[in-house]
Protein backbone atom coordinates (compact mmCIF):
# COMPACT_ATOMS: atom_id res chain seq x y z
CA MET A 1 -4.06 13.48 7.96
CA ILE A 2 -2.01 11.60 5.32
CA LEU A 3 1.53 12.61 4.59
CA ILE A 4 3.77 11.53 1.66
CA GLN A 5 7.31 10.94 2.69
CA SER A 6 10.60 9.46 1.45
CA TRP A 7 11.72 6.21 3.15
CA GLN A 8 14.38 8.24 5.12
CA GLN A 9 11.51 10.35 6.66
CA ALA A 10 8.95 7.51 6.85
CA SER A 11 11.08 4.42 7.81
CA LYS A 12 10.56 4.65 11.59
CA ASN A 13 6.76 5.01 11.58
CA ALA A 14 6.14 2.79 8.51
CA HIS A 15 8.18 -0.05 9.87
CA ALA A 16 6.47 0.13 13.20
CA ILE A 17 3.10 -0.20 11.55
CA ARG A 18 4.18 -2.94 9.13
CA LYS A 19 5.94 -4.88 11.90
CA GLN A 20 2.82 -4.96 14.04
CA VAL A 21 0.42 -5.79 11.21
CA PHE A 22 2.47 -8.05 8.99
CA ILE A 23 5.08 -9.68 11.18
CA GLU A 24 3.23 -9.82 14.53
CA GLU A 25 -0.40 -10.14 13.45
CA GLN A 26 -0.10 -12.02 10.12
CA GLY A 27 3.09 -14.00 10.67
CA VAL A 28 5.03 -12.61 7.73
CA PRO A 29 8.72 -13.60 8.16
CA GLN A 30 10.61 -10.54 9.25
CA GLU A 31 13.18 -10.89 6.52
CA LEU A 32 10.41 -10.54 3.77
CA GLU A 33 8.91 -7.34 5.22
CA LEU A 34 11.59 -4.92 4.32
CA ASP A 35 12.81 -4.90 0.82
CA GLU A 36 14.91 -3.22 -1.74
CA PHE A 37 12.02 -1.18 -2.99
CA ASP A 38 11.41 0.91 0.21
CA PRO A 39 14.09 3.49 -0.52
CA LEU A 40 12.67 3.94 -3.98
CA CYS A 41 9.05 4.40 -2.89
CA TRP A 42 6.82 7.34 -1.89
CA HIS A 43 5.40 6.29 1.55
CA ALA A 44 1.91 7.43 2.76
CA LEU A 45 1.56 7.72 6.47
CA ALA A 46 -1.79 8.23 8.11
CA PHE A 47 -1.94 10.11 11.50
CA GLU A 48 -4.49 10.45 14.11
CA GLY A 49 -3.06 13.42 16.18
CA THR A 50 0.53 12.54 16.55
CA GLN A 51 0.08 8.81 16.38
CA CYS A 52 0.90 6.97 13.09
CA ILE A 53 -1.99 4.48 12.46
CA GLY A 54 -1.42 3.34 8.90
CA THR A 55 0.89 3.21 5.90
CA GLY A 56 1.18 2.28 2.27
CA ARG A 57 3.68 2.90 -0.51
CA LEU A 58 3.95 3.57 -4.22
CA VAL A 59 6.76 2.73 -6.36
CA ALA A 60 7.28 3.60 -10.06
CA MET A 61 7.83 0.35 -11.98
CA GLY A 62 8.35 1.53 -15.54
CA VAL A 63 7.13 3.94 -17.97
CA ASN A 64 3.73 5.11 -16.70
CA GLU A 65 3.42 2.07 -14.37
CA GLY A 66 3.37 1.88 -10.55
CA GLN A 67 2.69 -0.49 -7.86
CA ILE A 68 0.91 0.14 -4.48
CA GLY A 69 2.02 -2.08 -1.62
CA ARG A 70 2.51 -2.47 2.18
CA MET A 71 -0.87 -1.15 2.87
CA ALA A 72 -1.50 -1.59 6.66
CA VAL A 73 -3.61 -0.02 9.33
CA LEU A 74 -3.33 -0.71 13.05
CA PRO A 75 -6.17 -3.13 14.14
CA CYS A 76 -8.01 -0.55 16.50
CA PHE A 77 -8.20 1.99 13.57
CA ARG A 78 -9.67 -0.31 10.89
CA GLY A 79 -13.04 0.24 9.39
CA LYS A 80 -12.81 4.00 9.93
CA GLY A 81 -11.77 5.10 6.47
CA THR A 82 -8.01 5.15 7.08
CA GLY A 83 -7.21 2.48 4.45
CA LYS A 84 -9.41 4.41 2.00
CA ALA A 85 -7.69 7.69 2.66
CA ILE A 86 -4.21 6.14 2.29
CA LEU A 87 -5.15 4.34 -1.11
CA LEU A 88 -6.81 7.44 -2.49
CA LYS A 89 -3.80 9.56 -1.55
CA LEU A 90 -1.47 7.11 -3.38
CA ILE A 91 -3.71 7.00 -6.47
CA LYS A 92 -3.75 10.80 -6.60
CA LEU A 93 0.12 10.73 -6.18
CA ALA A 94 0.44 8.16 -8.96
CA GLN A 95 -1.68 10.40 -11.32
CA SER A 96 0.51 13.38 -10.48
CA GLN A 97 3.47 11.28 -11.55
CA ASN A 98 1.80 10.45 -14.86
CA ILE A 99 1.40 6.77 -13.76
CA SER A 100 -1.61 5.47 -15.74
CA SER A 101 -1.47 1.75 -14.79
CA LEU A 102 -1.37 0.73 -11.07
CA MET A 103 -0.91 -2.84 -9.82
CA LEU A 104 -1.01 -4.34 -6.35
CA HIS A 105 -0.62 -7.73 -4.65
CA SER A 106 -3.90 -7.91 -2.79
CA GLN A 107 -4.51 -10.44 0.06
CA VAL A 108 -7.36 -12.45 -1.08
CA LEU A 109 -9.39 -11.25 1.91
CA ALA A 110 -8.78 -7.56 0.90
CA ILE A 111 -9.94 -7.94 -2.78
CA PRO A 112 -13.34 -6.52 -2.08
CA PHE A 113 -11.87 -3.43 -0.49
CA TYR A 114 -9.73 -2.64 -3.49
CA GLU A 115 -12.57 -3.43 -5.90
CA LYS A 116 -14.69 -0.65 -4.34
CA TYR A 117 -11.89 1.82 -5.66
CA GLY A 118 -11.80 0.48 -9.17
CA PHE A 119 -9.04 -2.28 -9.05
CA THR A 120 -9.87 -5.42 -10.97
CA PRO A 121 -8.47 -8.91 -10.04
CA GLN A 122 -6.16 -10.45 -12.62
CA GLY A 123 -4.61 -13.83 -12.91
CA PRO A 124 -4.56 -16.69 -10.44
CA ILE A 125 -4.39 -16.75 -6.70
CA TYR A 126 -0.91 -17.42 -5.47
CA GLU A 127 0.96 -17.56 -2.15
CA GLU A 128 3.07 -14.63 -0.89
CA ALA A 129 4.65 -14.86 2.55
CA GLY A 130 2.35 -17.68 3.52
CA ILE A 131 -0.76 -15.67 2.60
CA ASP A 132 -3.01 -16.15 -0.52
CA HIS A 133 -2.78 -13.21 -2.85
CA ARG A 134 -4.11 -11.93 -6.21
CA ASN A 135 -2.83 -9.35 -8.44
CA MET A 136 -5.17 -6.38 -9.05
CA ILE A 137 -4.87 -3.51 -11.58
CA ILE A 138 -6.45 -0.08 -12.23
CA LEU A 139 -6.07 2.16 -15.19
CA LEU A 140 -5.87 5.85 -14.26
CA PRO A 141 -6.66 8.83 -16.40
CA ILE A 142 -3.66 11.09 -16.69
CA SER A 143 -3.88 14.45 -15.05
CA HIS A 144 -2.37 17.30 -17.11
């Protein structure tokens, strides 16, 4: 089950997932993990029963533009479709908000995952929080 929540509703579960995946597993500095965008985002939370197992977020960045970020799934739940379900829920949410262009900062190792869902790499590889990333974009049909 994937729920869409405000930061106020999602912060406890989303931060717990992101702390485990980004800070503890990947070594992202704690001060970079939470940012000023969290309160402005819609947060997707994946649940297995009552346990939150994954998260992602969507923020509107401008007229018809959005950005997906902070996609994370707990290690023991990876490879079971949770990331796909979170991503597709965020894409559907973006369309419902008339967002026609979605961007994300993909870790280089995750590029093939996002390509499966229509995202295209753009620009050079760069370092973010000590990890190689590349921007990716998808253009969405607007739902009426």
